[in-house]
Amino acid sequence: MNQVILVGRLCQDPEIINTDAERKRSIVTIAINRPFKNSEGIYETDFIRCVLWNNIALNTFEYCHSGDVVGIKGRLQTRNYEDEEKNKKFIMEVIAEKVTFLSSNTKNSEKESSD
């Protein structure tokens, strides 16, 4: 089973990328604070790349902004590519199946988006 549930803050405003006439995509990064301190007594933060498609991407773009808290349910996916120097690079990202808008600095809150 491949299922991920994350709750964190958007690091930037979502943007829409048109991949073709019918498919929309948004790539967002969410910041998630770790629940424990490191050896220096500091709470570290993980930054997770998430890919949103179609209605999920459009609704998140419309209702969410940098700093808003969102819940993302999805699956992990890996992919690879070659950089300019022909080195093979690997990326792990979350493919969102559902986004829940948990809190916002604006009047928009408690809105859900799913395909």
PDB file of N, CA and C in Angstrom:
ATOM      1  N   MET A   1       0.842  -1.175   0.000  1.00  0.00           N
ATOM      2  CA  MET A   1       0.000   0.000   0.000  1.00  0.00           C
ATOM      3  C   MET A   1       0.889   1.239   0.000  1.00  0.00           C
ATOM      4  N   ASN A   2       0.545   2.195  -0.803  1.00  0.00           N
ATOM      5  CA  ASN A   2       1.309   3.428  -0.937  1.00  0.00           C
ATOM      6  C   ASN A   2       0.371   4.588  -0.656  1.00  0.00           C
ATOM      7  N   GLN A   3       0.345   5.065   0.595  1.00  0.00           N
ATOM      8  CA  GLN A   3      -0.536   6.155   0.978  1.00  0.00           C
ATOM      9  C   GLN A   3       0.196   7.081   1.934  1.00  0.00           C
ATOM     10  N   VAL A   4       0.070   8.385   1.680  1.00  0.00           N
ATOM     11  CA  VAL A   4       0.736   9.401   2.478  1.00  0.00           C
ATOM     12  C   VAL A   4      -0.302  10.422   2.906  1.00  0.00           C
ATOM     13  N   ILE A   5      -0.236  10.841   4.175  1.00  0.00           N
ATOM     14  CA  ILE A   5      -1.074  11.931   4.665  1.00  0.00           C
ATOM     15  C   ILE A   5      -0.149  12.947   5.323  1.00  0.00           C
ATOM     16  N   LEU A   6      -0.215  14.181   4.861  1.00  0.00           N
ATOM     17  CA  LEU A   6       0.651  15.248   5.349  1.00  0.00           C
ATOM     18  C   LEU A   6      -0.181  16.450   5.757  1.00  0.00           C
ATOM     19  N   VAL A   7       0.267  17.172   6.776  1.00  0.00           N
ATOM     20  CA  VAL A   7      -0.324  18.458   7.144  1.00  0.00           C
ATOM     21  C   VAL A   7       0.826  19.439   7.298  1.00  0.00           C
ATOM     22  N   GLY A   8       0.759  20.535   6.554  1.00  0.00           N
ATOM     23  CA  GLY A   8       1.824  21.529   6.623  1.00  0.00           C
ATOM     24  C   GLY A   8       1.400  22.840   5.994  1.00  0.00           C
ATOM     25  N   ARG A   9       2.328  23.777   5.977  1.00  0.00           N
ATOM     26  CA  ARG A   9       2.072  25.108   5.422  1.00  0.00           C
ATOM     27  C   ARG A   9       2.626  25.216   4.006  1.00  0.00           C
ATOM     28  N   LEU A  10       1.842  25.861   3.121  1.00  0.00           N
ATOM     29  CA  LEU A  10       2.315  26.108   1.762  1.00  0.00           C
ATOM     30  C   LEU A  10       3.499  27.071   1.794  1.00  0.00           C
ATOM     31  N   CYS A  11       4.554  26.740   1.076  1.00  0.00           N
ATOM     32  CA  CYS A  11       5.751  27.588   1.048  1.00  0.00           C
ATOM     33  C   CYS A  11       5.639  28.739   0.051  1.00  0.00           C
ATOM     34  N   GLN A  12       4.717  28.618  -0.915  1.00  0.00           N
ATOM     35  CA  GLN A  12       4.526  29.678  -1.905  1.00  0.00           C
ATOM     36  C   GLN A  12       3.090  29.601  -2.422  1.00  0.00           C
ATOM     37  N   ASP A  13       2.649  30.659  -3.098  1.00  0.00           N
ATOM     38  CA  ASP A  13       1.328  30.622  -3.720  1.00  0.00           C
ATOM     39  C   ASP A  13       1.326  29.565  -4.825  1.00  0.00           C
ATOM     40  N   PRO A  14       0.279  28.751  -4.907  1.00  0.00           N
ATOM     41  CA  PRO A  14       0.205  27.763  -6.001  1.00  0.00           C
ATOM     42  C   PRO A  14       0.111  28.454  -7.357  1.00  0.00           C
ATOM     43  N   GLU A  15       0.708  27.847  -8.358  1.00  0.00           N
ATOM     44  CA  GLU A  15       0.622  28.319  -9.736  1.00  0.00           C
ATOM     45  C   GLU A  15       0.110  27.181 -10.605  1.00  0.00           C
ATOM     46  N   ILE A  16      -0.612  27.528 -11.659  1.00  0.00           N
ATOM     47  CA  ILE A  16      -1.159  26.528 -12.574  1.00  0.00           C
ATOM     48  C   ILE A  16      -0.245  26.406 -13.789  1.00  0.00           C
ATOM     49  N   ILE A  17       0.031  25.161 -14.165  1.00  0.00           N
ATOM     50  CA  ILE A  17       0.809  24.863 -15.366  1.00  0.00           C
ATOM     51  C   ILE A  17      -0.111  24.111 -16.312  1.00  0.00           C
ATOM     52  N   ASN A  18      -0.299  24.617 -17.517  1.00  0.00           N
ATOM     53  CA  ASN A  18      -1.119  23.927 -18.522  1.00  0.00           C
ATOM     54  C   ASN A  18      -0.246  22.912 -19.237  1.00  0.00           C
ATOM     55  N   THR A  19      -0.537  21.630 -19.042  1.00  0.00           N
ATOM     56  CA  THR A  19       0.252  20.599 -19.710  1.00  0.00           C
ATOM     57  C   THR A  19      -0.275  20.308 -21.104  1.00  0.00           C
ATOM     58  N   ASP A  20      -1.587  20.444 -21.301  1.00  0.00           N
ATOM     59  CA  ASP A  20      -2.216  20.349 -22.613  1.00  0.00           C
ATOM     60  C   ASP A  20      -3.606  20.969 -22.490  1.00  0.00           C
ATOM     61  N   ALA A  21      -4.454  20.787 -23.454  1.00  0.00           N
ATOM     62  CA  ALA A  21      -5.757  21.452 -23.475  1.00  0.00           C
ATOM     63  C   ALA A  21      -6.656  21.052 -22.311  1.00  0.00           C
ATOM     64  N   GLU A  22      -6.505  19.842 -21.793  1.00  0.00           N
ATOM     65  CA  GLU A  22      -7.426  19.366 -20.772  1.00  0.00           C
ATOM     66  C   GLU A  22      -6.801  19.166 -19.397  1.00  0.00           C
ATOM     67  N   ARG A  23      -5.497  19.107 -19.290  1.00  0.00           N
ATOM     68  CA  ARG A  23      -4.863  18.794 -18.013  1.00  0.00           C
ATOM     69  C   ARG A  23      -4.171  20.012 -17.426  1.00  0.00           C
ATOM     70  N   LYS A  24      -4.445  20.255 -16.156  1.00  0.00           N
ATOM     71  CA  LYS A  24      -3.808  21.331 -15.409  1.00  0.00           C
ATOM     72  C   LYS A  24      -2.979  20.701 -14.298  1.00  0.00           C
ATOM     73  N   ARG A  25      -1.860  21.351 -13.954  1.00  0.00           N
ATOM     74  CA  ARG A  25      -0.980  20.825 -12.924  1.00  0.00           C
ATOM     75  C   ARG A  25      -0.474  21.972 -12.058  1.00  0.00           C
ATOM     76  N   SER A  26      -0.259  21.680 -10.804  1.00  0.00           N
ATOM     77  CA  SER A  26       0.375  22.625  -9.903  1.00  0.00           C
ATOM     78  C   SER A  26       1.369  21.849  -9.062  1.00  0.00           C
ATOM     79  N   ILE A  27       2.534  22.416  -8.868  1.00  0.00           N
ATOM     80  CA  ILE A  27       3.540  21.805  -8.004  1.00  0.00           C
ATOM     81  C   ILE A  27       3.728  22.751  -6.822  1.00  0.00           C
ATOM     82  N   VAL A  28       3.481  22.226  -5.625  1.00  0.00           N
ATOM     83  CA  VAL A  28       3.616  23.036  -4.420  1.00  0.00           C
ATOM     84  C   VAL A  28       4.582  22.343  -3.468  1.00  0.00           C
ATOM     85  N   THR A  29       5.145  23.115  -2.580  1.00  0.00           N
ATOM     86  CA  THR A  29       5.991  22.587  -1.523  1.00  0.00           C
ATOM     87  C   THR A  29       5.327  22.944  -0.198  1.00  0.00           C
ATOM     88  N   ILE A  30       5.208  21.942   0.678  1.00  0.00           N
ATOM     89  CA  ILE A  30       4.669  22.235   2.002  1.00  0.00           C
ATOM     90  C   ILE A  30       5.756  22.019   3.049  1.00  0.00           C
ATOM     91  N   ALA A  31       5.758  22.892   4.044  1.00  0.00           N
ATOM     92  CA  ALA A  31       6.710  22.826   5.153  1.00  0.00           C
ATOM     93  C   ALA A  31       6.044  22.128   6.323  1.00  0.00           C
ATOM     94  N   ILE A  32       6.721  21.107   6.846  1.00  0.00           N
ATOM     95  CA  ILE A  32       6.184  20.324   7.954  1.00  0.00           C
ATOM     96  C   ILE A  32       7.229  20.313   9.070  1.00  0.00           C
ATOM     97  N   ASN A  33       6.844  20.878  10.213  1.00  0.00           N
ATOM     98  CA  ASN A  33       7.754  20.895  11.351  1.00  0.00           C
ATOM     99  C   ASN A  33       7.822  19.513  11.982  1.00  0.00           C
ATOM    100  N   ARG A  34       9.025  19.079  12.314  1.00  0.00           N
ATOM    101  CA  ARG A  34       9.199  17.806  13.013  1.00  0.00           C
ATOM    102  C   ARG A  34       8.750  17.980  14.469  1.00  0.00           C
ATOM    103  N   PRO A  35       8.184  16.922  15.070  1.00  0.00           N
ATOM    104  CA  PRO A  35       7.643  17.050  16.432  1.00  0.00           C
ATOM    105  C   PRO A  35       8.687  16.898  17.540  1.00  0.00           C
ATOM    106  N   PHE A  36       9.970  16.914  17.191  1.00  0.00           N
ATOM    107  CA  PHE A  36      11.020  16.738  18.194  1.00  0.00           C
ATOM    108  C   PHE A  36      12.184  17.665  17.853  1.00  0.00           C
ATOM    109  N   LYS A  37      13.017  17.925  18.851  1.00  0.00           N
ATOM    110  CA  LYS A  37      14.179  18.792  18.664  1.00  0.00           C
ATOM    111  C   LYS A  37      15.393  17.955  18.257  1.00  0.00           C
ATOM    112  N   ASN A  38      16.276  18.559  17.473  1.00  0.00           N
ATOM    113  CA  ASN A  38      17.517  17.880  17.109  1.00  0.00           C
ATOM    114  C   ASN A  38      18.515  17.989  18.264  1.00  0.00           C
ATOM    115  N   SER A  39      19.739  17.548  18.057  1.00  0.00           N
ATOM    116  CA  SER A  39      20.743  17.536  19.128  1.00  0.00           C
ATOM    117  C   SER A  39      21.111  18.939  19.609  1.00  0.00           C
ATOM    118  N   GLU A  40      20.808  19.969  18.793  1.00  0.00           N
ATOM    119  CA  GLU A  40      21.084  21.348  19.205  1.00  0.00           C
ATOM    120  C   GLU A  40      19.860  22.020  19.818  1.00  0.00           C
ATOM    121  N   GLY A  41      18.772  21.262  20.024  1.00  0.00           N
ATOM    122  CA  GLY A  41      17.577  21.813  20.642  1.00  0.00           C
ATOM    123  C   GLY A  41      16.684  22.598  19.696  1.00  0.00           C
ATOM    124  N   ILE A  42      16.800  22.355  18.383  1.00  0.00           N
ATOM    125  CA  ILE A  42      16.040  23.094  17.372  1.00  0.00           C
ATOM    126  C   ILE A  42      15.067  22.152  16.682  1.00  0.00           C
ATOM    127  N   TYR A  43      13.844  22.637  16.469  1.00  0.00           N
ATOM    128  CA  TYR A  43      12.866  21.889  15.671  1.00  0.00           C
ATOM    129  C   TYR A  43      13.212  22.068  14.201  1.00  0.00           C
ATOM    130  N   GLU A  44      13.465  20.982  13.493  1.00  0.00           N
ATOM    131  CA  GLU A  44      13.769  21.049  12.071  1.00  0.00           C
ATOM    132  C   GLU A  44      12.484  20.984  11.257  1.00  0.00           C
ATOM    133  N   THR A  45      12.565  21.385  10.003  1.00  0.00           N
ATOM    134  CA  THR A  45      11.409  21.402   9.105  1.00  0.00           C
ATOM    135  C   THR A  45      11.735  20.601   7.861  1.00  0.00           C
ATOM    136  N   ASP A  46      10.778  19.785   7.421  1.00  0.00           N
ATOM    137  CA  ASP A  46      10.901  19.064   6.152  1.00  0.00           C
ATOM    138  C   ASP A  46      10.091  19.812   5.103  1.00  0.00           C
ATOM    139  N   PHE A  47      10.620  19.866   3.890  1.00  0.00           N
ATOM    140  CA  PHE A  47       9.952  20.526   2.773  1.00  0.00           C
ATOM    141  C   PHE A  47       9.616  19.455   1.743  1.00  0.00           C
ATOM    142  N   ILE A  48       8.319  19.211   1.542  1.00  0.00           N
ATOM    143  CA  ILE A  48       7.846  18.108   0.714  1.00  0.00           C
ATOM    144  C   ILE A  48       7.223  18.647  -0.563  1.00  0.00           C
ATOM    145  N   ARG A  49       7.706  18.141  -1.702  1.00  0.00           N
ATOM    146  CA  ARG A  49       7.178  18.525  -3.017  1.00  0.00           C
ATOM    147  C   ARG A  49       5.920  17.702  -3.304  1.00  0.00           C
ATOM    148  N   CYS A  50       4.837  18.390  -3.693  1.00  0.00           N
ATOM    149  CA  CYS A  50       3.557  17.735  -3.974  1.00  0.00           C
ATOM    150  C   CYS A  50       3.056  18.181  -5.348  1.00  0.00           C
ATOM    151  N   VAL A  51       2.553  17.225  -6.121  1.00  0.00           N
ATOM    152  CA  VAL A  51       2.022  17.500  -7.451  1.00  0.00           C
ATOM    153  C   VAL A  51       0.502  17.375  -7.399  1.00  0.00           C
ATOM    154  N   LEU A  52      -0.187  18.415  -7.852  1.00  0.00           N
ATOM    155  CA  LEU A  52      -1.646  18.451  -7.865  1.00  0.00           C
ATOM    156  C   LEU A  52      -2.105  18.489  -9.311  1.00  0.00           C
ATOM    157  N   TRP A  53      -3.168  17.764  -9.627  1.00  0.00           N
ATOM    158  CA  TRP A  53      -3.673  17.708 -10.996  1.00  0.00           C
ATOM    159  C   TRP A  53      -5.106  18.207 -11.084  1.00  0.00           C
ATOM    160  N   ASN A  54      -5.461  18.788 -12.212  1.00  0.00           N
ATOM    161  CA  ASN A  54      -6.816  19.129 -12.638  1.00  0.00           C
ATOM    162  C   ASN A  54      -7.594  19.902 -11.577  1.00  0.00           C
ATOM    163  N   ASN A  55      -8.758  19.388 -11.115  1.00  0.00           N
ATOM    164  CA  ASN A  55      -9.600  20.134 -10.181  1.00  0.00           C
ATOM    165  C   ASN A  55      -8.897  20.421  -8.861  1.00  0.00           C
ATOM    166  N   ILE A  56      -8.101  19.485  -8.389  1.00  0.00           N
ATOM    167  CA  ILE A  56      -7.356  19.715  -7.145  1.00  0.00           C
ATOM    168  C   ILE A  56      -6.419  20.904  -7.333  1.00  0.00           C
ATOM    169  N   ALA A  57      -5.718  20.943  -8.443  1.00  0.00           N
ATOM    170  CA  ALA A  57      -4.802  22.047  -8.726  1.00  0.00           C
ATOM    171  C   ALA A  57      -5.552  23.375  -8.855  1.00  0.00           C
ATOM    172  N   LEU A  58      -6.662  23.364  -9.584  1.00  0.00           N
ATOM    173  CA  LEU A  58      -7.424  24.606  -9.801  1.00  0.00           C
ATOM    174  C   LEU A  58      -8.005  25.142  -8.493  1.00  0.00           C
ATOM    175  N   ASN A  59      -8.592  24.276  -7.664  1.00  0.00           N
ATOM    176  CA  ASN A  59      -9.171  24.726  -6.400  1.00  0.00           C
ATOM    177  C   ASN A  59      -8.110  25.219  -5.425  1.00  0.00           C
ATOM    178  N   THR A  60      -6.983  24.536  -5.377  1.00  0.00           N
ATOM    179  CA  THR A  60      -5.898  24.975  -4.507  1.00  0.00           C
ATOM    180  C   THR A  60      -5.358  26.320  -4.972  1.00  0.00           C
ATOM    181  N   PHE A  61      -5.217  26.489  -6.271  1.00  0.00           N
ATOM    182  CA  PHE A  61      -4.768  27.763  -6.840  1.00  0.00           C
ATOM    183  C   PHE A  61      -5.734  28.889  -6.463  1.00  0.00           C
ATOM    184  N   GLU A  62      -7.026  28.614  -6.516  1.00  0.00           N
ATOM    185  CA  GLU A  62      -8.037  29.644  -6.254  1.00  0.00           C
ATOM    186  C   GLU A  62      -8.145  30.005  -4.772  1.00  0.00           C
ATOM    187  N   TYR A  63      -8.045  29.022  -3.886  1.00  0.00           N
ATOM    188  CA  TYR A  63      -8.365  29.259  -2.480  1.00  0.00           C
ATOM    189  C   TYR A  63      -7.175  29.316  -1.526  1.00  0.00           C
ATOM    190  N   CYS A  64      -5.991  28.905  -1.945  1.00  0.00           N
ATOM    191  CA  CYS A  64      -4.858  28.817  -1.018  1.00  0.00           C
ATOM    192  C   CYS A  64      -3.741  29.775  -1.391  1.00  0.00           C
ATOM    193  N   HIS A  65      -3.014  30.185  -0.367  1.00  0.00           N
ATOM    194  CA  HIS A  65      -1.895  31.111  -0.541  1.00  0.00           C
ATOM    195  C   HIS A  65      -0.735  30.681   0.355  1.00  0.00           C
ATOM    196  N   SER A  66       0.403  31.278   0.130  1.00  0.00           N
ATOM    197  CA  SER A  66       1.580  30.991   0.923  1.00  0.00           C
ATOM    198  C   SER A  66       1.266  31.155   2.414  1.00  0.00           C
ATOM    199  N   GLY A  67       1.675  30.179   3.217  1.00  0.00           N
ATOM    200  CA  GLY A  67       1.451  30.227   4.654  1.00  0.00           C
ATOM    201  C   GLY A  67       0.202  29.518   5.121  1.00  0.00           C
ATOM    202  N   ASP A  68      -0.729  29.202   4.211  1.00  0.00           N
ATOM    203  CA  ASP A  68      -1.950  28.488   4.592  1.00  0.00           C
ATOM    204  C   ASP A  68      -1.611  27.048   4.983  1.00  0.00           C
ATOM    205  N   VAL A  69      -2.358  26.524   5.947  1.00  0.00           N
ATOM    206  CA  VAL A  69      -2.181  25.136   6.370  1.00  0.00           C
ATOM    207  C   VAL A  69      -3.110  24.250   5.539  1.00  0.00           C
ATOM    208  N   VAL A  70      -2.529  23.212   4.933  1.00  0.00           N
ATOM    209  CA  VAL A  70      -3.302  22.276   4.121  1.00  0.00           C
ATOM    210  C   VAL A  70      -2.995  20.848   4.555  1.00  0.00           C
ATOM    211  N   GLY A  71      -3.967  19.970   4.348  1.00  0.00           N
ATOM    212  CA  GLY A  71      -3.766  18.543   4.509  1.00  0.00           C
ATOM    213  C   GLY A  71      -3.751  17.921   3.123  1.00  0.00           C
ATOM    214  N   ILE A  72      -2.797  17.062   2.864  1.00  0.00           N
ATOM    215  CA  ILE A  72      -2.690  16.411   1.560  1.00  0.00           C
ATOM    216  C   ILE A  72      -2.667  14.910   1.761  1.00  0.00           C
ATOM    217  N   LYS A  73      -3.578  14.237   1.061  1.00  0.00           N
ATOM    218  CA  LYS A  73      -3.597  12.773   1.038  1.00  0.00           C
ATOM    219  C   LYS A  73      -3.216  12.367  -0.371  1.00  0.00           C
ATOM    220  N   GLY A  74      -2.294  11.431  -0.492  1.00  0.00           N
ATOM    221  CA  GLY A  74      -1.863  11.013  -1.815  1.00  0.00           C
ATOM    222  C   GLY A  74      -0.961   9.799  -1.748  1.00  0.00           C
ATOM    223  N   ARG A  75      -0.090   9.707  -2.751  1.00  0.00           N
ATOM    224  CA  ARG A  75       0.827   8.573  -2.835  1.00  0.00           C
ATOM    225  C   ARG A  75       2.218   9.075  -3.196  1.00  0.00           C
ATOM    226  N   LEU A  76       3.230   8.349  -2.767  1.00  0.00           N
ATOM    227  CA  LEU A  76       4.607   8.674  -3.139  1.00  0.00           C
ATOM    228  C   LEU A  76       4.901   8.151  -4.530  1.00  0.00           C
ATOM    229  N   GLN A  77       5.658   8.940  -5.274  1.00  0.00           N
ATOM    230  CA  GLN A  77       6.066   8.517  -6.611  1.00  0.00           C
ATOM    231  C   GLN A  77       7.517   8.947  -6.822  1.00  0.00           C
ATOM    232  N   THR A  78       8.281   8.071  -7.444  1.00  0.00           N
ATOM    233  CA  THR A  78       9.648   8.432  -7.810  1.00  0.00           C
ATOM    234  C   THR A  78       9.746   8.500  -9.326  1.00  0.00           C
ATOM    235  N   ARG A  79      10.631   9.350  -9.779  1.00  0.00           N
ATOM    236  CA  ARG A  79      10.924   9.438 -11.209  1.00  0.00           C
ATOM    237  C   ARG A  79      12.367   9.864 -11.350  1.00  0.00           C
ATOM    238  N   ASN A  80      12.901   9.725 -12.554  1.00  0.00           N
ATOM    239  CA  ASN A  80      14.289  10.113 -12.767  1.00  0.00           C
ATOM    240  C   ASN A  80      14.431  10.850 -14.087  1.00  0.00           C
ATOM    241  N   TYR A  81      15.551  11.546 -14.201  1.00  0.00           N
ATOM    242  CA  TYR A  81      15.871  12.286 -15.414  1.00  0.00           C
ATOM    243  C   TYR A  81      17.383  12.476 -15.470  1.00  0.00           C
ATOM    244  N   GLU A  82      17.883  12.928 -16.605  1.00  0.00           N
ATOM    245  CA  GLU A  82      19.303  13.242 -16.750  1.00  0.00           C
ATOM    246  C   GLU A  82      19.481  14.754 -16.769  1.00  0.00           C
ATOM    247  N   ASP A  83      20.460  15.242 -15.986  1.00  0.00           N
ATOM    248  CA  ASP A  83      20.736  16.671 -15.996  1.00  0.00           C
ATOM    249  C   ASP A  83      21.629  17.027 -17.186  1.00  0.00           C
ATOM    250  N   GLU A  84      22.060  18.283 -17.241  1.00  0.00           N
ATOM    251  CA  GLU A  84      22.854  18.766 -18.379  1.00  0.00           C
ATOM    252  C   GLU A  84      24.169  18.000 -18.550  1.00  0.00           C
ATOM    253  N   GLU A  85      24.736  17.511 -17.445  1.00  0.00           N
ATOM    254  CA  GLU A  85      25.997  16.762 -17.495  1.00  0.00           C
ATOM    255  C   GLU A  85      25.778  15.261 -17.647  1.00  0.00           C
ATOM    256  N   LYS A  86      24.556  14.855 -18.004  1.00  0.00           N
ATOM    257  CA  LYS A  86      24.200  13.442 -18.214  1.00  0.00           C
ATOM    258  C   LYS A  86      24.243  12.613 -16.926  1.00  0.00           C
ATOM    259  N   ASN A  87      24.117  13.284 -15.766  1.00  0.00           N
ATOM    260  CA  ASN A  87      24.013  12.571 -14.494  1.00  0.00           C
ATOM    261  C   ASN A  87      22.559  12.201 -14.253  1.00  0.00           C
ATOM    262  N   LYS A  88      22.333  10.988 -13.803  1.00  0.00           N
ATOM    263  CA  LYS A  88      20.967  10.541 -13.531  1.00  0.00           C
ATOM    264  C   LYS A  88      20.527  11.081 -12.174  1.00  0.00           C
ATOM    265  N   LYS A  89      19.386  11.765 -12.145  1.00  0.00           N
ATOM    266  CA  LYS A  89      18.827  12.362 -10.921  1.00  0.00           C
ATOM    267  C   LYS A  89      17.495  11.700 -10.614  1.00  0.00           C
ATOM    268  N   PHE A  90      17.216  11.538  -9.332  1.00  0.00           N
ATOM    269  CA  PHE A  90      15.966  10.938  -8.879  1.00  0.00           C
ATOM    270  C   PHE A  90      15.177  11.949  -8.064  1.00  0.00           C
ATOM    271  N   ILE A  91      13.863  11.941  -8.244  1.00  0.00           N
ATOM    272  CA  ILE A  91      12.968  12.824  -7.510  1.00  0.00           C
ATOM    273  C   ILE A  91      11.890  11.970  -6.854  1.00  0.00           C
ATOM    274  N   MET A  92      11.625  12.252  -5.580  1.00  0.00           N
ATOM    275  CA  MET A  92      10.489  11.635  -4.905  1.00  0.00           C
ATOM    276  C   MET A  92       9.507  12.753  -4.596  1.00  0.00           C
ATOM    277  N   GLU A  93       8.241  12.527  -4.937  1.00  0.00           N
ATOM    278  CA  GLU A  93       7.218  13.542  -4.721  1.00  0.00           C
ATOM    279  C   GLU A  93       5.908  12.876  -4.349  1.00  0.00           C
ATOM    280  N   VAL A  94       5.010  13.660  -3.779  1.00  0.00           N
ATOM    281  CA  VAL A  94       3.681  13.174  -3.426  1.00  0.00           C
ATOM    282  C   VAL A  94       2.730  13.572  -4.537  1.00  0.00           C
ATOM    283  N   ILE A  95       1.985  12.607  -5.066  1.00  0.00           N
ATOM    284  CA  ILE A  95       0.920  12.881  -6.037  1.00  0.00           C
ATOM    285  C   ILE A  95      -0.366  12.987  -5.232  1.00  0.00           C
ATOM    286  N   ALA A  96      -0.937  14.188  -5.188  1.00  0.00           N
ATOM    287  CA  ALA A  96      -2.100  14.441  -4.335  1.00  0.00           C
ATOM    288  C   ALA A  96      -3.359  13.819  -4.915  1.00  0.00           C
ATOM    289  N   GLU A  97      -4.118  13.152  -4.064  1.00  0.00           N
ATOM    290  CA  GLU A  97      -5.439  12.631  -4.419  1.00  0.00           C
ATOM    291  C   GLU A  97      -6.536  13.471  -3.771  1.00  0.00           C
ATOM    292  N   LYS A  98      -6.172  14.180  -2.697  1.00  0.00           N
ATOM    293  CA  LYS A  98      -7.132  15.031  -1.995  1.00  0.00           C
ATOM    294  C   LYS A  98      -6.361  16.113  -1.243  1.00  0.00           C
ATOM    295  N   VAL A  99      -6.867  17.339  -1.290  1.00  0.00           N
ATOM    296  CA  VAL A  99      -6.299  18.448  -0.533  1.00  0.00           C
ATOM    297  C   VAL A  99      -7.403  19.037   0.328  1.00  0.00           C
ATOM    298  N   THR A 100      -7.124  19.181   1.619  1.00  0.00           N
ATOM    299  CA  THR A 100      -8.066  19.806   2.542  1.00  0.00           C
ATOM    300  C   THR A 100      -7.471  21.131   2.990  1.00  0.00           C
ATOM    301  N   PHE A 101      -8.224  22.197   2.846  1.00  0.00           N
ATOM    302  CA  PHE A 101      -7.775  23.525   3.238  1.00  0.00           C
ATOM    303  C   PHE A 101      -8.124  23.711   4.716  1.00  0.00           C
ATOM    304  N   LEU A 102      -7.127  23.718   5.594  1.00  0.00           N
ATOM    305  CA  LEU A 102      -7.359  23.689   7.036  1.00  0.00           C
ATOM    306  C   LEU A 102      -7.413  25.064   7.679  1.00  0.00           C
ATOM    307  N   SER A 103      -6.504  25.944   7.331  1.00  0.00           N
ATOM    308  CA  SER A 103      -6.555  27.307   7.869  1.00  0.00           C
ATOM    309  C   SER A 103      -5.910  28.255   6.883  1.00  0.00           C
ATOM    310  N   SER A 104      -6.376  29.481   6.956  1.00  0.00           N
ATOM    311  CA  SER A 104      -5.926  30.469   5.998  1.00  0.00           C
ATOM    312  C   SER A 104      -5.787  31.811   6.697  1.00  0.00           C
ATOM    313  N   ASN A 105      -4.913  32.642   6.171  1.00  0.00           N
ATOM    314  CA  ASN A 105      -4.781  34.002   6.678  1.00  0.00           C
ATOM    315  C   ASN A 105      -5.884  34.890   6.127  1.00  0.00           C
ATOM    316  N   THR A 106      -6.654  34.369   5.163  1.00  0.00           N
ATOM    317  CA  THR A 106      -7.741  35.126   4.560  1.00  0.00           C
ATOM    318  C   THR A 106      -9.069  34.533   4.995  1.00  0.00           C
ATOM    319  N   LYS A 107     -10.157  34.983   4.409  1.00  0.00           N
ATOM    320  CA  LYS A 107     -11.489  34.520   4.795  1.00  0.00           C
ATOM    321  C   LYS A 107     -11.818  33.129   4.271  1.00  0.00           C
ATOM    322  N   ASN A 108     -10.995  32.550   3.372  1.00  0.00           N
ATOM    323  CA  ASN A 108     -11.261  31.223   2.809  1.00  0.00           C
ATOM    324  C   ASN A 108     -10.689  30.153   3.728  1.00  0.00           C
ATOM    325  N   SER A 109     -11.556  29.282   4.259  1.00  0.00           N
ATOM    326  CA  SER A 109     -11.055  28.174   5.081  1.00  0.00           C
ATOM    327  C   SER A 109     -12.037  27.019   5.048  1.00  0.00           C
ATOM    328  N   GLU A 110     -11.539  25.848   5.511  1.00  0.00           N
ATOM    329  CA  GLU A 110     -12.365  24.645   5.597  1.00  0.00           C
ATOM    330  C   GLU A 110     -13.015  24.232   4.278  1.00  0.00           C
ATOM    331  N   LYS A 111     -12.293  24.384   3.163  1.00  0.00           N
ATOM    332  CA  LYS A 111     -12.766  23.978   1.839  1.00  0.00           C
ATOM    333  C   LYS A 111     -11.975  22.750   1.437  1.00  0.00           C
ATOM    334  N   GLU A 112     -12.638  21.766   0.814  1.00  0.00           N
ATOM    335  CA  GLU A 112     -11.947  20.557   0.376  1.00  0.00           C
ATOM    336  C   GLU A 112     -11.899  20.494  -1.133  1.00  0.00           C
ATOM    337  N   SER A 113     -10.890  19.828  -1.637  1.00  0.00           N
ATOM    338  CA  SER A 113     -10.764  19.625  -3.083  1.00  0.00           C
ATOM    339  C   SER A 113     -10.335  18.195  -3.328  1.00  0.00           C
ATOM    340  N   SER A 114     -11.053  17.527  -4.247  1.00  0.00           N
ATOM    341  CA  SER A 114     -10.644  16.195  -4.695  1.00  0.00           C
ATOM    342  C   SER A 114     -11.172  15.972  -6.081  1.00  0.00           C
ATOM    343  N   ASP A 115     -10.526  15.070  -6.805  1.00  0.00           N
ATOM    344  CA  ASP A 115     -10.937  14.776  -8.180  1.00  0.00           C
ATOM    345  C   ASP A 115     -12.168  13.937  -8.216  1.00  0.00           C
TER     346      ASP A 115
END
